Amino acid sequence: MEPLLQQIDCFSGVLAVSCGAVVRSWDATTVRRALQWARYLLHVYRRFADRGRAREALERRLRSRGGPPGLRSFAALEFGDARLALRLLRNRALAPAAAHALPSLLFPGPAADGEDDAPQSRLALLARRGSALHLLLRLGGDAPRGALLRTHAELLCTRLHELGGADPTARRKLLDALWARGPREHVLSVAGEALLRDADPEPTRAADSAGADETQELLRWLLESPEVLIAFCRQLPATRLASLAGRHPALSRAYLGLLTTWATQLHYDLPKGSWVPTQPEDMPWDELCLRLQSMCQAPPPLQEDVLETLRSSKALDGDFEVPGMSIWTDLLRALPGGA
């Protein structure tokens, strides 16, 4: 057991230095070997996972040892490769050749075929099954959520960039696969972060080669996928969506169109004196107001677009001024500058 513990200690040391400046000297071969080392520890995990006494003994020894932090539990052996990749992706000191190799390992794209018999890394297999984002999310509990989202967004845009010169449908297939198989709430959050990434004055190295074309491809995917667009506009925070709407006019029009559609699904409950949903899945009045208010508080011309849309709807609905007669009247009263 002692040689195995030494191996684990050495790899923990690799994890520790992967966050620092030493990775300036790493090339793609060094990264590949480090990931292979991690996969050796994965084999150890699989070998002892169902062997109770041996696993308990190894767990005790791991917890009792000092040395560099990293793999200090038996369960951590299963995800050493992804933890290493995540740290490298977040490290701006990583050499360009090594940084370029990482997205291909994590996101091989829809053209990758074969399964466990293919000579590819475990990260590639996980990504082909659409779970790489989920894996990174699980492993990122010790990092701020914003930093994780930026890392994932940069990784996604880099992979979209790499797929741009291949099959014309490869990007769409990758995004569809992530939506179908990945944790959808996180996929939407990463998409939102990616659509804002050009606002970052200091993008990380992993994002340097990806540009506006990938952002537009991601935006087209959202706008042309009704299910995805509805979920995107329902689940992302109101302030984030207002920021995105201010940056992308096509998304602004689609989002405002959905908000007005959701408004028509409310009806006025006279005894309660309020607008209430018709179906449980309808957007409540308070949330609808919050989202429209966030749009109105964003830089021009969003406020003008919102107010003009509501005023046009109010005029078509009879141009009532009495509360409770038209939802457009009441929405305008609830918005700054709408009364």
Protein backbone atom coordinates (compact mmCIF):
# COMPACT_ATOMS: atom_id res chain seq x y z
CA MET A 1 0.00 0.00 0.00
CA GLU A 2 2.91 2.34 0.67
CA PRO A 3 3.87 2.71 -3.06
CA LEU A 4 0.26 3.54 -3.87
CA LEU A 5 0.14 6.18 -1.14
CA GLN A 6 3.33 7.70 -2.54
CA GLN A 7 1.71 7.86 -5.98
CA ILE A 8 -1.29 9.64 -4.50
CA ASP A 9 0.96 12.08 -2.64
CA CYS A 10 2.86 12.85 -5.84
CA PHE A 11 -0.32 13.49 -7.80
CA SER A 12 -1.61 15.69 -4.98
CA GLY A 13 1.56 17.70 -5.52
CA VAL A 14 0.73 18.00 -9.22
CA LEU A 15 -2.71 19.30 -8.29
CA ALA A 16 -1.13 21.85 -5.97
CA VAL A 17 1.28 23.26 -8.57
CA SER A 18 -1.38 23.23 -11.31
CA CYS A 19 -2.76 26.46 -9.82
CA GLY A 20 0.59 28.28 -9.96
CA ALA A 21 3.15 29.70 -12.37
CA VAL A 22 5.04 26.43 -12.84
CA VAL A 23 2.58 25.41 -15.57
CA ARG A 24 4.23 27.94 -17.90
CA SER A 25 6.68 25.17 -18.72
CA TRP A 26 4.02 22.51 -19.37
CA ASP A 27 3.31 21.37 -22.89
CA ALA A 28 0.47 19.21 -24.24
CA THR A 29 2.46 16.03 -23.51
CA THR A 30 2.91 17.04 -19.87
CA VAL A 31 -0.82 17.68 -19.49
CA ARG A 32 -1.66 14.37 -21.16
CA ARG A 33 0.70 12.47 -18.85
CA ALA A 34 -0.73 14.20 -15.79
CA LEU A 35 -4.24 13.18 -16.86
CA GLN A 36 -3.03 9.63 -17.47
CA TRP A 37 -1.65 9.61 -13.93
CA ALA A 38 -5.05 10.69 -12.68
CA ARG A 39 -6.70 7.91 -14.67
CA TYR A 40 -4.37 5.40 -13.05
CA LEU A 41 -5.76 6.54 -9.71
CA LEU A 42 -9.25 6.14 -11.16
CA HIS A 43 -8.42 2.49 -11.86
CA VAL A 44 -7.33 2.18 -8.23
CA TYR A 45 -10.65 3.64 -7.16
CA ARG A 46 -12.59 1.17 -9.31
CA ARG A 47 -10.52 -1.76 -8.10
CA PHE A 48 -11.10 -1.08 -4.41
CA ALA A 49 -14.58 0.52 -4.53
CA ASP A 50 -16.34 -2.77 -3.74
CA ARG A 51 -13.67 -4.20 -1.45
CA GLY A 52 -14.83 -2.94 1.91
CA ARG A 53 -11.85 -3.72 4.15
CA ALA A 54 -9.22 -2.66 1.65
CA ARG A 55 -11.12 0.54 0.91
CA GLU A 56 -11.49 1.38 4.60
CA ALA A 57 -7.79 0.77 5.19
CA LEU A 58 -6.83 2.99 2.28
CA GLU A 59 -9.29 5.67 3.45
CA ARG A 60 -7.74 5.68 6.93
CA ARG A 61 -4.23 5.99 5.56
CA LEU A 62 -5.19 8.84 3.25
CA ARG A 63 -6.81 10.82 6.03
CA SER A 64 -3.90 10.30 8.38
CA ARG A 65 -1.19 11.46 6.00
CA GLY A 66 0.13 14.99 5.72
CA GLY A 67 1.65 16.55 2.65
CA PRO A 68 0.14 18.70 -0.10
CA PRO A 69 -3.65 19.03 -0.16
CA GLY A 70 -5.47 17.33 -3.00
CA LEU A 71 -6.61 13.73 -2.88
CA ARG A 72 -7.28 13.29 0.81
CA SER A 73 -10.19 10.85 0.56
CA PHE A 74 -10.85 7.63 -1.31
CA ALA A 75 -13.78 9.16 -3.20
CA ALA A 76 -11.51 11.94 -4.54
CA LEU A 77 -9.57 9.37 -6.58
CA GLU A 78 -12.53 9.07 -8.96
CA PHE A 79 -12.39 12.69 -10.14
CA GLY A 80 -8.70 13.59 -10.09
CA ASP A 81 -8.55 14.05 -13.87
CA ALA A 82 -11.41 16.53 -14.02
CA ARG A 83 -10.16 18.41 -10.96
CA LEU A 84 -6.78 18.83 -12.62
CA ALA A 85 -8.35 19.98 -15.89
CA LEU A 86 -10.53 22.53 -14.10
CA ARG A 87 -7.55 24.04 -12.28
CA LEU A 88 -5.53 24.27 -15.46
CA LEU A 89 -8.37 25.94 -17.35
CA ARG A 90 -8.57 28.62 -14.67
CA ASN A 91 -4.80 29.24 -14.68
CA ARG A 92 -3.77 32.06 -17.05
CA ALA A 93 -0.13 30.98 -16.73
CA LEU A 94 -0.75 27.74 -18.63
CA ALA A 95 1.34 27.53 -21.80
CA PRO A 96 -0.64 28.06 -25.06
CA ALA A 97 -0.02 24.55 -26.43
CA ALA A 98 -1.20 22.94 -23.22
CA ALA A 99 -4.24 25.25 -22.97
CA HIS A 100 -5.22 24.38 -26.55
CA ALA A 101 -5.11 20.64 -25.77
CA LEU A 102 -7.56 20.80 -22.86
CA PRO A 103 -10.81 21.65 -24.73
CA SER A 104 -10.31 18.73 -27.09
CA LEU A 105 -9.99 16.41 -24.10
CA LEU A 106 -13.12 17.76 -22.44
CA PHE A 107 -15.34 18.38 -25.49
CA PRO A 108 -14.50 16.05 -28.38
CA GLY A 109 -17.68 17.05 -30.22
CA PRO A 110 -20.36 14.93 -31.90
CA ALA A 111 -17.94 13.42 -34.43
CA ALA A 112 -16.25 11.34 -31.73
CA ASP A 113 -17.42 7.77 -32.00
CA GLY A 114 -16.67 4.51 -30.28
CA GLU A 115 -17.09 3.93 -26.60
CA ASP A 116 -14.93 2.51 -23.87
CA ASP A 117 -12.73 0.68 -26.39
CA ALA A 118 -11.61 3.96 -28.01
CA PRO A 119 -8.10 5.18 -27.07
CA GLN A 120 -9.44 8.42 -25.58
CA SER A 121 -9.27 9.89 -22.13
CA ARG A 122 -11.99 9.43 -19.56
CA LEU A 123 -12.77 13.14 -19.85
CA ALA A 124 -13.50 12.69 -23.54
CA LEU A 125 -15.87 9.83 -22.79
CA LEU A 126 -17.65 11.88 -20.15
CA ALA A 127 -17.96 14.83 -22.50
CA ARG A 128 -19.30 12.64 -25.30
CA ARG A 129 -22.05 11.55 -22.93
CA GLY A 130 -22.89 15.20 -22.34
CA SER A 131 -21.86 15.30 -18.68
CA ALA A 132 -18.62 17.27 -18.65
CA LEU A 133 -20.29 20.48 -17.44
CA HIS A 134 -22.07 18.55 -14.72
CA LEU A 135 -18.83 16.95 -13.62
CA LEU A 136 -17.04 20.28 -13.45
CA LEU A 137 -19.93 21.75 -11.48
CA ARG A 138 -19.77 18.91 -8.93
CA LEU A 139 -16.06 19.37 -8.48
CA GLY A 140 -16.18 23.13 -8.10
CA GLY A 141 -17.65 23.41 -4.64
CA ASP A 142 -14.51 25.13 -3.36
CA ALA A 143 -14.65 27.91 -5.96
CA PRO A 144 -16.95 30.91 -6.39
CA ARG A 145 -19.86 30.11 -8.67
CA GLY A 146 -19.08 33.08 -10.90
CA ALA A 147 -15.55 31.81 -11.53
CA LEU A 148 -16.89 28.38 -12.40
CA LEU A 149 -19.41 29.77 -14.85
CA ARG A 150 -16.73 31.85 -16.55
CA THR A 151 -14.49 28.80 -16.86
CA HIS A 152 -17.28 26.69 -18.32
CA ALA A 153 -18.34 29.46 -20.71
CA GLU A 154 -14.78 29.88 -21.96
CA LEU A 155 -14.44 26.15 -22.41
CA LEU A 156 -17.70 25.94 -24.34
CA CYS A 157 -16.85 28.86 -26.63
CA THR A 158 -13.39 27.45 -27.30
CA ARG A 159 -14.88 24.13 -28.33
CA LEU A 160 -17.46 25.84 -30.53
CA HIS A 161 -14.59 27.73 -32.16
CA GLU A 162 -12.73 24.49 -32.86
CA LEU A 163 -15.80 22.91 -34.40
CA GLY A 164 -16.41 25.89 -36.68
CA GLY A 165 -14.30 24.67 -39.57
CA ALA A 166 -15.58 21.10 -39.59
CA ASP A 167 -19.11 19.83 -40.14
CA PRO A 168 -21.41 22.90 -40.49
CA THR A 169 -23.84 21.24 -38.10
CA ALA A 170 -21.22 20.20 -35.53
CA ARG A 171 -21.74 23.20 -33.25
CA ARG A 172 -25.50 22.76 -33.17
CA LYS A 173 -25.11 19.04 -32.46
CA LEU A 174 -22.83 19.76 -29.53
CA LEU A 175 -25.25 22.29 -28.04
CA ASP A 176 -28.20 19.95 -28.57
CA ALA A 177 -26.28 17.15 -26.86
CA LEU A 178 -25.49 19.32 -23.85
CA TRP A 179 -29.14 20.34 -23.59
CA ALA A 180 -30.40 16.76 -23.92
CA ARG A 181 -27.97 15.13 -21.52
CA GLY A 182 -26.48 17.74 -19.27
CA PRO A 183 -27.95 19.41 -16.17
CA ARG A 184 -30.19 21.92 -17.95
CA GLU A 185 -30.17 24.66 -15.34
CA HIS A 186 -26.40 24.77 -15.43
CA VAL A 187 -26.29 24.62 -19.23
CA LEU A 188 -28.55 27.69 -19.33
CA SER A 189 -26.36 29.53 -16.81
CA VAL A 190 -23.24 28.75 -18.84
CA ALA A 191 -24.97 29.91 -22.03
CA GLY A 192 -25.88 33.19 -20.35
CA GLU A 193 -22.32 33.67 -19.15
CA ALA A 194 -20.98 32.93 -22.64
CA LEU A 195 -23.29 35.54 -24.18
CA LEU A 196 -21.82 38.14 -21.82
CA ARG A 197 -18.20 37.00 -22.13
CA ASP A 198 -17.19 39.70 -24.64
CA ALA A 199 -17.72 42.20 -21.82
CA ASP A 200 -14.79 40.71 -19.89
CA PRO A 201 -11.80 43.05 -20.37
CA GLU A 202 -9.35 40.26 -19.44
CA PRO A 203 -10.52 36.94 -20.87
CA THR A 204 -8.53 33.91 -19.82
CA ARG A 205 -6.18 32.20 -22.24
CA ALA A 206 -8.68 29.42 -22.95
CA ALA A 207 -11.00 32.02 -24.45
CA ASP A 208 -8.45 34.00 -26.46
CA SER A 209 -9.03 32.11 -29.71
CA ALA A 210 -12.83 32.15 -29.57
CA GLY A 211 -14.75 35.24 -30.63
CA ALA A 212 -18.02 36.78 -31.66
CA ASP A 213 -18.83 34.04 -34.17
CA GLU A 214 -19.22 31.50 -31.38
CA THR A 215 -21.40 33.93 -29.43
CA GLN A 216 -23.66 34.37 -32.44
CA GLU A 217 -23.89 30.62 -32.98
CA LEU A 218 -24.91 30.16 -29.37
CA LEU A 219 -27.47 32.96 -29.72
CA ARG A 220 -28.93 31.39 -32.87
CA TRP A 221 -29.26 28.08 -31.07
CA LEU A 222 -31.22 29.75 -28.27
CA LEU A 223 -33.50 31.71 -30.58
CA GLU A 224 -34.22 28.78 -32.89
CA SER A 225 -34.95 26.30 -30.07
CA PRO A 226 -38.31 27.27 -28.52
CA GLU A 227 -37.97 24.92 -25.55
CA VAL A 228 -34.50 26.21 -24.75
CA LEU A 229 -35.46 29.86 -25.20
CA ILE A 230 -38.48 29.58 -22.89
CA ALA A 231 -36.41 27.84 -20.20
CA PHE A 232 -33.63 30.40 -20.63
CA CYS A 233 -36.01 33.34 -20.18
CA ARG A 234 -37.78 31.72 -17.23
CA GLN A 235 -34.83 30.44 -15.22
CA LEU A 236 -32.10 33.05 -15.53
CA PRO A 237 -32.30 35.94 -13.02
CA ALA A 238 -34.13 39.06 -14.15
CA THR A 239 -31.04 41.27 -13.91
CA ARG A 240 -28.93 38.85 -15.95
CA LEU A 241 -31.56 38.65 -18.67
CA ALA A 242 -31.85 42.43 -18.78
CA SER A 243 -28.06 42.67 -19.26
CA LEU A 244 -28.20 40.10 -22.04
CA ALA A 245 -31.14 41.87 -23.68
CA GLY A 246 -29.18 45.10 -23.68
CA ARG A 247 -26.28 43.40 -25.44
CA HIS A 248 -28.21 41.32 -27.98
CA PRO A 249 -31.18 43.03 -29.72
CA ALA A 250 -32.52 39.76 -31.18
CA LEU A 251 -32.64 38.23 -27.72
CA SER A 252 -34.25 41.40 -26.37
CA ARG A 253 -37.10 41.13 -28.89
CA ALA A 254 -37.61 37.44 -28.19
CA TYR A 255 -37.55 37.95 -24.41
CA LEU A 256 -39.99 40.86 -24.55
CA GLY A 257 -42.26 38.81 -26.81
CA LEU A 258 -42.31 35.99 -24.25
CA LEU A 259 -43.02 38.41 -21.40
CA THR A 260 -46.04 39.83 -23.22
CA THR A 261 -47.25 36.32 -24.03
CA TRP A 262 -46.96 35.35 -20.38
CA ALA A 263 -48.86 38.50 -19.42
CA THR A 264 -51.84 37.41 -21.54
CA GLN A 265 -52.02 34.19 -19.54
CA LEU A 266 -52.96 36.04 -16.34
CA HIS A 267 -56.53 36.92 -15.45
CA TYR A 268 -57.90 39.41 -12.98
CA ASP A 269 -59.31 37.88 -9.79
CA LEU A 270 -61.91 40.41 -8.64
CA PRO A 271 -62.26 39.13 -5.03
CA LYS A 272 -58.48 39.15 -4.60
CA GLY A 273 -58.04 42.36 -6.54
CA SER A 274 -54.98 41.03 -8.36
CA TRP A 275 -53.82 39.32 -11.54
CA VAL A 276 -53.38 35.58 -11.05
CA PRO A 277 -52.13 32.69 -13.23
CA THR A 278 -54.55 30.55 -15.17
CA GLN A 279 -52.30 27.48 -14.99
CA PRO A 280 -49.74 26.50 -12.32
CA GLU A 281 -46.89 26.90 -14.83
CA ASP A 282 -47.88 30.47 -15.77
CA MET A 283 -45.58 33.28 -14.67
CA PRO A 284 -46.92 35.03 -11.53
CA TRP A 285 -47.67 38.74 -11.55
CA ASP A 286 -44.83 39.62 -9.16
CA GLU A 287 -42.23 37.83 -11.25
CA LEU A 288 -43.56 39.34 -14.47
CA CYS A 289 -43.33 42.84 -12.97
CA LEU A 290 -39.81 42.16 -11.67
CA ARG A 291 -38.58 41.11 -15.10
CA LEU A 292 -40.17 44.07 -16.87
CA GLN A 293 -38.84 46.45 -14.22
CA SER A 294 -35.32 45.06 -14.73
CA MET A 295 -35.67 45.71 -18.46
CA CYS A 296 -36.78 49.28 -17.75
CA GLN A 297 -33.81 49.87 -15.44
CA ALA A 298 -31.33 48.74 -18.10
CA PRO A 299 -29.57 51.26 -20.36
CA PRO A 300 -31.52 52.65 -23.34
CA PRO A 301 -33.25 51.71 -25.51
CA LEU A 302 -34.65 48.82 -23.46
CA GLN A 303 -36.98 50.96 -21.35
CA GLU A 304 -38.42 52.64 -24.45
CA ASP A 305 -38.93 49.25 -26.14
CA VAL A 306 -40.77 47.84 -23.11
CA LEU A 307 -43.02 50.86 -22.63
CA GLU A 308 -43.82 51.14 -26.33
CA THR A 309 -44.75 47.44 -26.48
CA LEU A 310 -47.04 47.72 -23.47
CA ARG A 311 -48.64 50.95 -24.68
CA SER A 312 -49.37 49.39 -28.07
CA SER A 313 -50.94 46.37 -26.38
CA LYS A 314 -52.95 48.63 -24.10
CA ALA A 315 -54.30 50.59 -27.08
CA LEU A 316 -55.34 47.39 -28.86
CA ASP A 317 -57.03 46.17 -25.68
CA GLY A 318 -59.29 49.22 -25.43
CA ASP A 319 -56.92 51.76 -23.86
CA PHE A 320 -58.55 51.44 -20.44
CA GLU A 321 -57.29 53.57 -17.55
CA VAL A 322 -59.22 51.81 -14.79
CA PRO A 323 -57.18 49.27 -12.78
CA GLY A 324 -58.21 45.66 -13.28
CA MET A 325 -59.68 46.21 -16.75
CA SER A 326 -56.51 45.53 -18.76
CA ILE A 327 -53.28 43.92 -17.67
CA TRP A 328 -51.36 46.34 -19.88
CA THR A 329 -52.74 49.30 -17.96
CA ASP A 330 -51.73 47.77 -14.65
CA LEU A 331 -48.29 46.75 -15.90
CA LEU A 332 -47.60 50.29 -17.12
CA ARG A 333 -48.62 51.64 -13.73
CA ALA A 334 -46.13 49.27 -12.10
CA LEU A 335 -43.18 50.33 -14.26
CA PRO A 336 -41.00 53.44 -13.94
CA GLY A 337 -42.03 55.93 -16.58
CA GLY A 338 -45.08 53.92 -17.55
CA ALA A 339 -47.81 55.77 -15.71
